[in-house]
Amino acid sequence: MKKRILLATSIYAILGFGLFADNTAESYGLAPDDYTFNLSKAKEGDGDAMLTIGKCYETGTGVKKDVKQAWIWYGKAAVEGNIEADYIIGTLYRDGIGTKKNYEESAYWFRKAARNGHMDALLNIARQFQEGKGVLQDNRVAAENYWRAAERGSAEGAFRYAVMLRDGIGVQQDLPRALKYFKMAGDKNYPDAAYQAGLLENQGVKLPTRNVTKKTTPAVKKNNAGKTVSKKETPKKTTTSKKRK
């Protein structure tokens, strides 16, 4: 673990310092004064502030863009247990930004974030298991992570899990549940989801029904006198003590 953290904070020294892919102040929701506001807290060990400082250096928000410093602060945030920092480091390894592409490392960081419920990390580790990149190919694990992402509100996770349910990939084929997750993705306007749901409905597939358990009444039996009583009310046997002569 320590070696991975050190690698994360020093990777900038391996190759040139290119721009991070598609990350902007707008996509991160940064304001111009975020760097000044968070710097002192970051230096005091606040993991969220460290993450923000890393993003500021990455995008050049409130400070001169410096990929080297971005890596350092992301690594520090990861050491403090910041889940978003784990995810970002995973994307950098996956895309080869500031380093060579390393799917084994990206899988490590995605899994670390996914274990803590990070939705995008769940999607990314699912893809890597589905494609066998940096991990042994395993559709069962991929399906499980797509499902976990779907349950956290991911439209893409719902769609990909639905496909696996429909085709029986990594899971037992289940068309009603596939329809459920296609509709879940379609409600979020995920491309092609509503169409796929319609195809299943045209085949007569219906949404799964919930199993309703019937309430049971207490079992009854008769006592020695022929009186019907519930099990809870069954009289206890009484014993009489013999008189000593």
C-alpha atoms as a PDB file:
ATOM      1  CA  MET A   1       0.000   0.000   0.000  1.00  0.00           C
ATOM      2  CA  LYS A   2       2.754   2.466   0.932  1.00  0.00           C
ATOM      3  CA  LYS A   3       4.577   1.700  -2.315  1.00  0.00           C
ATOM      4  CA  ARG A   4       1.426   2.464  -4.279  1.00  0.00           C
ATOM      5  CA  ILE A   5       0.974   5.788  -2.469  1.00  0.00           C
ATOM      6  CA  LEU A   6       4.575   6.746  -3.128  1.00  0.00           C
ATOM      7  CA  LEU A   7       4.139   5.794  -6.764  1.00  0.00           C
ATOM      8  CA  ALA A   8       1.002   7.895  -6.969  1.00  0.00           C
ATOM      9  CA  THR A   9       2.740  10.958  -5.551  1.00  0.00           C
ATOM     10  CA  SER A  10       5.914  10.655  -7.616  1.00  0.00           C
ATOM     11  CA  ILE A  11       4.649   9.412 -10.971  1.00  0.00           C
ATOM     12  CA  TYR A  12       5.076  12.870 -12.483  1.00  0.00           C
ATOM     13  CA  ALA A  13       8.836  12.236 -12.551  1.00  0.00           C
ATOM     14  CA  ILE A  14       8.497   9.293 -14.928  1.00  0.00           C
ATOM     15  CA  LEU A  15       7.180  11.061 -18.029  1.00  0.00           C
ATOM     16  CA  GLY A  16       6.278  14.518 -19.269  1.00  0.00           C
ATOM     17  CA  PHE A  17       3.541  16.488 -17.581  1.00  0.00           C
ATOM     18  CA  GLY A  18       0.619  16.372 -19.994  1.00  0.00           C
ATOM     19  CA  LEU A  19      -2.820  17.827 -19.349  1.00  0.00           C
ATOM     20  CA  PHE A  20      -5.337  15.637 -17.551  1.00  0.00           C
ATOM     21  CA  ALA A  21      -8.078  14.362 -19.855  1.00  0.00           C
ATOM     22  CA  ASP A  22     -11.333  16.324 -20.019  1.00  0.00           C
ATOM     23  CA  ASN A  23     -11.081  17.661 -16.468  1.00  0.00           C
ATOM     24  CA  THR A  24     -11.928  21.351 -16.145  1.00  0.00           C
ATOM     25  CA  ALA A  25     -12.759  23.731 -13.328  1.00  0.00           C
ATOM     26  CA  GLU A  26     -16.375  23.545 -14.490  1.00  0.00           C
ATOM     27  CA  SER A  27     -16.513  19.746 -14.433  1.00  0.00           C
ATOM     28  CA  TYR A  28     -15.040  19.783 -10.946  1.00  0.00           C
ATOM     29  CA  GLY A  29     -17.302  22.601  -9.802  1.00  0.00           C
ATOM     30  CA  LEU A  30     -14.345  24.760  -8.745  1.00  0.00           C
ATOM     31  CA  ALA A  31     -14.514  28.450  -7.929  1.00  0.00           C
ATOM     32  CA  PRO A  32     -11.561  30.836  -8.451  1.00  0.00           C
ATOM     33  CA  ASP A  33     -11.014  31.256  -4.704  1.00  0.00           C
ATOM     34  CA  ASP A  34     -11.083  27.528  -3.867  1.00  0.00           C
ATOM     35  CA  TYR A  35      -7.299  27.307  -3.881  1.00  0.00           C
ATOM     36  CA  THR A  36      -6.827  30.105  -1.342  1.00  0.00           C
ATOM     37  CA  PHE A  37      -9.736  28.948   0.781  1.00  0.00           C
ATOM     38  CA  ASN A  38      -8.540  25.322   1.040  1.00  0.00           C
ATOM     39  CA  LEU A  39      -4.739  25.647   1.132  1.00  0.00           C
ATOM     40  CA  SER A  40      -4.353  26.159   4.885  1.00  0.00           C
ATOM     41  CA  LYS A  41      -6.790  23.334   5.667  1.00  0.00           C
ATOM     42  CA  ALA A  42      -4.967  21.048   3.247  1.00  0.00           C
ATOM     43  CA  LYS A  43      -1.649  21.752   4.945  1.00  0.00           C
ATOM     44  CA  GLU A  44      -3.278  20.844   8.256  1.00  0.00           C
ATOM     45  CA  GLY A  45      -4.219  17.411   6.923  1.00  0.00           C
ATOM     46  CA  ASP A  46      -7.810  17.854   5.739  1.00  0.00           C
ATOM     47  CA  GLY A  47      -8.326  15.173   3.054  1.00  0.00           C
ATOM     48  CA  ASP A  48     -11.163  16.978   1.251  1.00  0.00           C
ATOM     49  CA  ALA A  49      -9.121  20.176   1.115  1.00  0.00           C
ATOM     50  CA  MET A  50      -6.137  18.213  -0.230  1.00  0.00           C
ATOM     51  CA  LEU A  51      -8.346  16.841  -2.998  1.00  0.00           C
ATOM     52  CA  THR A  52      -9.516  20.338  -3.905  1.00  0.00           C
ATOM     53  CA  ILE A  53      -5.950  21.643  -4.020  1.00  0.00           C
ATOM     54  CA  GLY A  54      -5.051  18.772  -6.336  1.00  0.00           C
ATOM     55  CA  LYS A  55      -7.914  19.698  -8.645  1.00  0.00           C
ATOM     56  CA  CYS A  56      -6.882  23.356  -8.574  1.00  0.00           C
ATOM     57  CA  TYR A  57      -3.351  22.470  -9.646  1.00  0.00           C
ATOM     58  CA  GLU A  58      -4.676  20.101 -12.289  1.00  0.00           C
ATOM     59  CA  THR A  59      -6.970  22.699 -13.864  1.00  0.00           C
ATOM     60  CA  GLY A  60      -5.045  25.863 -13.036  1.00  0.00           C
ATOM     61  CA  THR A  61      -7.855  27.252 -10.907  1.00  0.00           C
ATOM     62  CA  GLY A  62      -6.635  29.993  -8.584  1.00  0.00           C
ATOM     63  CA  VAL A  63      -3.043  28.853  -9.092  1.00  0.00           C
ATOM     64  CA  LYS A  64      -0.672  28.133 -11.977  1.00  0.00           C
ATOM     65  CA  LYS A  65      -1.376  24.741 -13.521  1.00  0.00           C
ATOM     66  CA  ASP A  66       1.124  22.205 -12.195  1.00  0.00           C
ATOM     67  CA  VAL A  67       0.550  18.495 -12.834  1.00  0.00           C
ATOM     68  CA  LYS A  68       3.404  17.585 -10.518  1.00  0.00           C
ATOM     69  CA  GLN A  69       1.692  19.301  -7.596  1.00  0.00           C
ATOM     70  CA  ALA A  70      -1.676  17.816  -8.574  1.00  0.00           C
ATOM     71  CA  TRP A  71      -0.252  14.294  -8.269  1.00  0.00           C
ATOM     72  CA  ILE A  72       1.313  15.120  -4.917  1.00  0.00           C
ATOM     73  CA  TRP A  73      -1.936  16.453  -3.444  1.00  0.00           C
ATOM     74  CA  TYR A  74      -4.050  13.629  -4.856  1.00  0.00           C
ATOM     75  CA  GLY A  75      -1.626  11.169  -3.268  1.00  0.00           C
ATOM     76  CA  LYS A  76      -1.825  12.983   0.063  1.00  0.00           C
ATOM     77  CA  ALA A  77      -5.619  12.957  -0.087  1.00  0.00           C
ATOM     78  CA  ALA A  78      -5.579   9.230  -0.804  1.00  0.00           C
ATOM     79  CA  VAL A  79      -3.375   8.639   2.235  1.00  0.00           C
ATOM     80  CA  GLU A  80      -6.021  10.445   4.307  1.00  0.00           C
ATOM     81  CA  GLY A  81      -8.651   8.049   3.007  1.00  0.00           C
ATOM     82  CA  ASN A  82     -10.317  10.316   0.442  1.00  0.00           C
ATOM     83  CA  ILE A  83     -12.375   8.066  -1.873  1.00  0.00           C
ATOM     84  CA  GLU A  84     -12.582  10.583  -4.723  1.00  0.00           C
ATOM     85  CA  ALA A  85      -8.793  10.829  -4.764  1.00  0.00           C
ATOM     86  CA  ASP A  86      -8.591   7.033  -5.111  1.00  0.00           C
ATOM     87  CA  TYR A  87     -10.934   7.222  -8.085  1.00  0.00           C
ATOM     88  CA  ILE A  88      -9.065  10.064  -9.794  1.00  0.00           C
ATOM     89  CA  ILE A  89      -5.736   8.252  -9.433  1.00  0.00           C
ATOM     90  CA  GLY A  90      -7.390   5.225 -11.024  1.00  0.00           C
ATOM     91  CA  THR A  91      -8.485   7.261 -14.048  1.00  0.00           C
ATOM     92  CA  LEU A  92      -4.982   8.645 -14.514  1.00  0.00           C
ATOM     93  CA  TYR A  93      -3.471   5.173 -14.590  1.00  0.00           C
ATOM     94  CA  ARG A  94      -6.248   3.955 -16.899  1.00  0.00           C
ATOM     95  CA  ASP A  95      -5.780   6.790 -19.386  1.00  0.00           C
ATOM     96  CA  GLY A  96      -2.003   7.019 -19.120  1.00  0.00           C
ATOM     97  CA  ILE A  97      -2.003  10.649 -18.021  1.00  0.00           C
ATOM     98  CA  GLY A  98       1.337  11.632 -16.541  1.00  0.00           C
ATOM     99  CA  THR A  99       2.405   7.991 -16.727  1.00  0.00           C
ATOM    100  CA  LYS A 100       2.198   4.937 -18.939  1.00  0.00           C
ATOM    101  CA  LYS A 101      -1.164   3.213 -19.014  1.00  0.00           C
ATOM    102  CA  ASN A 102      -1.270   0.696 -16.225  1.00  0.00           C
ATOM    103  CA  TYR A 103      -4.507  -1.265 -15.942  1.00  0.00           C
ATOM    104  CA  GLU A 104      -3.331  -3.252 -12.944  1.00  0.00           C
ATOM    105  CA  GLU A 105      -2.795  -0.030 -11.014  1.00  0.00           C
ATOM    106  CA  SER A 106      -6.065   1.497 -12.223  1.00  0.00           C
ATOM    107  CA  ALA A 107      -7.888  -1.674 -11.131  1.00  0.00           C
ATOM    108  CA  TYR A 108      -6.315  -1.410  -7.685  1.00  0.00           C
ATOM    109  CA  TRP A 109      -7.450   2.200  -7.206  1.00  0.00           C
ATOM    110  CA  PHE A 110     -10.897   1.656  -8.734  1.00  0.00           C
ATOM    111  CA  ARG A 111     -11.512  -1.328  -6.477  1.00  0.00           C
ATOM    112  CA  LYS A 112     -10.366   0.663  -3.475  1.00  0.00           C
ATOM    113  CA  ALA A 113     -12.884   3.414  -4.258  1.00  0.00           C
ATOM    114  CA  ALA A 114     -15.590   0.927  -5.277  1.00  0.00           C
ATOM    115  CA  ARG A 115     -15.395  -0.845  -1.939  1.00  0.00           C
ATOM    116  CA  ASN A 116     -16.505   2.438  -0.417  1.00  0.00           C
ATOM    117  CA  GLY A 117     -19.440   2.798  -2.807  1.00  0.00           C
ATOM    118  CA  HIS A 118     -17.981   5.247  -5.358  1.00  0.00           C
ATOM    119  CA  MET A 119     -20.401   4.928  -8.289  1.00  0.00           C
ATOM    120  CA  ASP A 120     -18.008   5.776 -11.137  1.00  0.00           C
ATOM    121  CA  ALA A 121     -15.363   3.511  -9.649  1.00  0.00           C
ATOM    122  CA  LEU A 122     -17.911   0.673  -9.656  1.00  0.00           C
ATOM    123  CA  LEU A 123     -18.551   1.258 -13.357  1.00  0.00           C
ATOM    124  CA  ASN A 124     -14.862   1.376 -14.199  1.00  0.00           C
ATOM    125  CA  ILE A 125     -13.870  -1.751 -12.307  1.00  0.00           C
ATOM    126  CA  ALA A 126     -16.856  -3.539 -13.851  1.00  0.00           C
ATOM    127  CA  ARG A 127     -15.588  -2.646 -17.329  1.00  0.00           C
ATOM    128  CA  GLN A 128     -12.092  -3.851 -16.505  1.00  0.00           C
ATOM    129  CA  PHE A 129     -13.408  -7.195 -15.274  1.00  0.00           C
ATOM    130  CA  GLN A 130     -15.636  -7.492 -18.316  1.00  0.00           C
ATOM    131  CA  GLU A 131     -12.723  -6.798 -20.668  1.00  0.00           C
ATOM    132  CA  GLY A 132     -10.030  -8.506 -18.600  1.00  0.00           C
ATOM    133  CA  LYS A 133      -7.853  -5.407 -18.379  1.00  0.00           C
ATOM    134  CA  GLY A 134      -5.454  -5.526 -15.448  1.00  0.00           C
ATOM    135  CA  VAL A 135      -7.537  -8.295 -13.850  1.00  0.00           C
ATOM    136  CA  LEU A 136      -8.629 -11.810 -14.747  1.00  0.00           C
ATOM    137  CA  GLN A 137     -11.666 -11.561 -17.004  1.00  0.00           C
ATOM    138  CA  ASP A 138     -14.764 -12.330 -14.919  1.00  0.00           C
ATOM    139  CA  ASN A 139     -18.280 -11.503 -16.136  1.00  0.00           C
ATOM    140  CA  ARG A 140     -19.777 -12.492 -12.801  1.00  0.00           C
ATOM    141  CA  VAL A 141     -17.788  -9.814 -10.964  1.00  0.00           C
ATOM    142  CA  ALA A 142     -18.517  -7.335 -13.753  1.00  0.00           C
ATOM    143  CA  ALA A 143     -22.260  -7.947 -13.440  1.00  0.00           C
ATOM    144  CA  GLU A 144     -22.144  -7.574  -9.670  1.00  0.00           C
ATOM    145  CA  ASN A 145     -20.419  -4.196  -9.918  1.00  0.00           C
ATOM    146  CA  TYR A 146     -22.771  -2.948 -12.640  1.00  0.00           C
ATOM    147  CA  TRP A 147     -25.661  -3.926 -10.355  1.00  0.00           C
ATOM    148  CA  ARG A 148     -24.108  -2.091  -7.403  1.00  0.00           C
ATOM    149  CA  ALA A 149     -23.665   1.009  -9.567  1.00  0.00           C
ATOM    150  CA  ALA A 150     -27.260   0.739 -10.800  1.00  0.00           C
ATOM    151  CA  GLU A 151     -28.567   0.543  -7.240  1.00  0.00           C
ATOM    152  CA  ARG A 152     -26.688   3.754  -6.499  1.00  0.00           C
ATOM    153  CA  GLY A 153     -28.475   5.531  -9.329  1.00  0.00           C
ATOM    154  CA  SER A 154     -26.197   4.942 -12.314  1.00  0.00           C
ATOM    155  CA  ALA A 155     -28.096   4.822 -15.616  1.00  0.00           C
ATOM    156  CA  GLU A 156     -25.133   3.233 -17.352  1.00  0.00           C
ATOM    157  CA  GLY A 157     -24.823   0.626 -14.619  1.00  0.00           C
ATOM    158  CA  ALA A 158     -28.527  -0.215 -14.980  1.00  0.00           C
ATOM    159  CA  PHE A 159     -28.265  -0.523 -18.760  1.00  0.00           C
ATOM    160  CA  ARG A 160     -25.156  -2.701 -18.737  1.00  0.00           C
ATOM    161  CA  TYR A 161     -26.565  -4.932 -16.024  1.00  0.00           C
ATOM    162  CA  ALA A 162     -29.801  -5.274 -18.011  1.00  0.00           C
ATOM    163  CA  VAL A 163     -27.848  -6.429 -21.062  1.00  0.00           C
ATOM    164  CA  MET A 164     -26.108  -9.099 -18.990  1.00  0.00           C
ATOM    165  CA  LEU A 165     -29.430 -10.258 -17.535  1.00  0.00           C
ATOM    166  CA  ARG A 166     -31.008 -10.375 -20.982  1.00  0.00           C
ATOM    167  CA  ASP A 167     -28.169 -12.374 -22.508  1.00  0.00           C
ATOM    168  CA  GLY A 168     -27.285 -14.478 -19.475  1.00  0.00           C
ATOM    169  CA  ILE A 169     -23.729 -13.147 -19.270  1.00  0.00           C
ATOM    170  CA  GLY A 170     -22.181 -13.518 -15.834  1.00  0.00           C
ATOM    171  CA  VAL A 171     -25.647 -14.065 -14.360  1.00  0.00           C
ATOM    172  CA  GLN A 172     -28.571 -16.376 -14.957  1.00  0.00           C
ATOM    173  CA  GLN A 173     -30.771 -15.108 -17.775  1.00  0.00           C
ATOM    174  CA  ASP A 174     -33.714 -13.201 -16.311  1.00  0.00           C
ATOM    175  CA  LEU A 175     -35.817 -11.261 -18.816  1.00  0.00           C
ATOM    176  CA  PRO A 176     -38.239  -9.693 -16.318  1.00  0.00           C
ATOM    177  CA  ARG A 177     -35.345  -8.273 -14.304  1.00  0.00           C
ATOM    178  CA  ALA A 178     -33.632  -7.197 -17.536  1.00  0.00           C
ATOM    179  CA  LEU A 179     -36.782  -5.258 -18.384  1.00  0.00           C
ATOM    180  CA  LYS A 180     -36.742  -3.679 -14.928  1.00  0.00           C
ATOM    181  CA  TYR A 181     -33.197  -2.378 -15.337  1.00  0.00           C
ATOM    182  CA  PHE A 182     -33.684  -1.276 -18.952  1.00  0.00           C
ATOM    183  CA  LYS A 183     -36.628   0.787 -17.723  1.00  0.00           C
ATOM    184  CA  MET A 184     -34.542   2.113 -14.849  1.00  0.00           C
ATOM    185  CA  ALA A 185     -31.928   3.308 -17.341  1.00  0.00           C
ATOM    186  CA  GLY A 186     -34.611   4.600 -19.706  1.00  0.00           C
ATOM    187  CA  ASP A 187     -36.138   6.734 -16.968  1.00  0.00           C
ATOM    188  CA  LYS A 188     -32.786   8.509 -16.851  1.00  0.00           C
ATOM    189  CA  ASN A 189     -32.759   8.889 -20.652  1.00  0.00           C
ATOM    190  CA  TYR A 190     -29.847   6.509 -21.157  1.00  0.00           C
ATOM    191  CA  PRO A 191     -29.386   5.938 -24.929  1.00  0.00           C
ATOM    192  CA  ASP A 192     -31.161   2.842 -26.343  1.00  0.00           C
ATOM    193  CA  ALA A 193     -32.526   1.781 -22.943  1.00  0.00           C
ATOM    194  CA  ALA A 194     -36.177   2.605 -23.662  1.00  0.00           C
ATOM    195  CA  TYR A 195     -35.900   0.894 -27.056  1.00  0.00           C
ATOM    196  CA  GLN A 196     -34.511  -2.301 -25.513  1.00  0.00           C
ATOM    197  CA  ALA A 197     -37.253  -2.251 -22.898  1.00  0.00           C
ATOM    198  CA  GLY A 198     -39.819  -1.943 -25.666  1.00  0.00           C
ATOM    199  CA  LEU A 199     -38.396  -4.948 -27.496  1.00  0.00           C
ATOM    200  CA  LEU A 200     -38.776  -7.095 -24.390  1.00  0.00           C
ATOM    201  CA  GLU A 201     -42.314  -5.881 -23.787  1.00  0.00           C
ATOM    202  CA  ASN A 202     -43.215  -6.711 -27.396  1.00  0.00           C
ATOM    203  CA  GLN A 203     -42.054 -10.267 -26.649  1.00  0.00           C
ATOM    204  CA  GLY A 204     -44.543 -10.407 -23.781  1.00  0.00           C
ATOM    205  CA  VAL A 205     -42.003  -9.920 -21.008  1.00  0.00           C
ATOM    206  CA  LYS A 206     -43.463  -8.332 -17.899  1.00  0.00           C
ATOM    207  CA  LEU A 207     -41.833  -6.717 -14.903  1.00  0.00           C
ATOM    208  CA  PRO A 208     -41.034  -9.103 -12.044  1.00  0.00           C
ATOM    209  CA  THR A 209     -43.693  -9.430  -9.392  1.00  0.00           C
ATOM    210  CA  ARG A 210     -42.899  -9.242  -5.735  1.00  0.00           C
ATOM    211  CA  ASN A 211     -43.309 -12.394  -3.677  1.00  0.00           C
ATOM    212  CA  VAL A 212     -45.871 -11.677  -0.959  1.00  0.00           C
ATOM    213  CA  THR A 213     -45.549 -13.908   2.051  1.00  0.00           C
ATOM    214  CA  LYS A 214     -48.814 -14.983   3.636  1.00  0.00           C
ATOM    215  CA  LYS A 215     -49.347 -14.435   7.307  1.00  0.00           C
ATOM    216  CA  THR A 216     -49.569 -17.692   9.186  1.00  0.00           C
ATOM    217  CA  THR A 217     -51.742 -18.358  12.210  1.00  0.00           C
ATOM    218  CA  PRO A 218     -50.301 -20.122  15.242  1.00  0.00           C
ATOM    219  CA  ALA A 219     -50.542 -23.888  15.059  1.00  0.00           C
ATOM    220  CA  VAL A 220     -52.964 -25.437  17.512  1.00  0.00           C
ATOM    221  CA  LYS A 221     -53.241 -28.772  19.237  1.00  0.00           C
ATOM    222  CA  LYS A 222     -55.455 -30.401  21.813  1.00  0.00           C
ATOM    223  CA  ASN A 223     -54.447 -30.995  25.381  1.00  0.00           C
ATOM    224  CA  ASN A 224     -55.199 -34.132  27.370  1.00  0.00           C
ATOM    225  CA  ALA A 225     -58.624 -32.820  28.276  1.00  0.00           C
ATOM    226  CA  GLY A 226     -59.532 -32.354  24.624  1.00  0.00           C
ATOM    227  CA  LYS A 227     -59.386 -28.564  24.793  1.00  0.00           C
ATOM    228  CA  THR A 228     -57.906 -26.826  21.761  1.00  0.00           C
ATOM    229  CA  VAL A 229     -55.070 -24.464  22.670  1.00  0.00           C
ATOM    230  CA  SER A 230     -52.322 -22.674  20.774  1.00  0.00           C
ATOM    231  CA  LYS A 231     -48.778 -23.943  21.081  1.00  0.00           C
ATOM    232  CA  LYS A 232     -47.886 -20.887  23.102  1.00  0.00           C
ATOM    233  CA  GLU A 233     -50.704 -21.701  25.511  1.00  0.00           C
ATOM    234  CA  THR A 234     -49.979 -25.429  25.854  1.00  0.00           C
ATOM    235  CA  PRO A 235     -50.160 -26.203  29.554  1.00  0.00           C
ATOM    236  CA  LYS A 236     -46.955 -27.337  31.184  1.00  0.00           C
ATOM    237  CA  LYS A 237     -46.882 -30.764  32.791  1.00  0.00           C
ATOM    238  CA  THR A 238     -47.062 -30.693  36.549  1.00  0.00           C
ATOM    239  CA  THR A 239     -45.487 -33.203  38.870  1.00  0.00           C
ATOM    240  CA  THR A 240     -46.635 -34.191  42.330  1.00  0.00           C
ATOM    241  CA  SER A 241     -44.186 -35.016  45.027  1.00  0.00           C
ATOM    242  CA  LYS A 242     -44.631 -38.283  46.911  1.00  0.00           C
ATOM    243  CA  LYS A 243     -45.085 -38.079  50.643  1.00  0.00           C
ATOM    244  CA  ARG A 244     -42.391 -39.725  52.649  1.00  0.00           C
ATOM    245  CA  LYS A 245     -43.634 -42.461  54.950  1.00  0.00           C
END
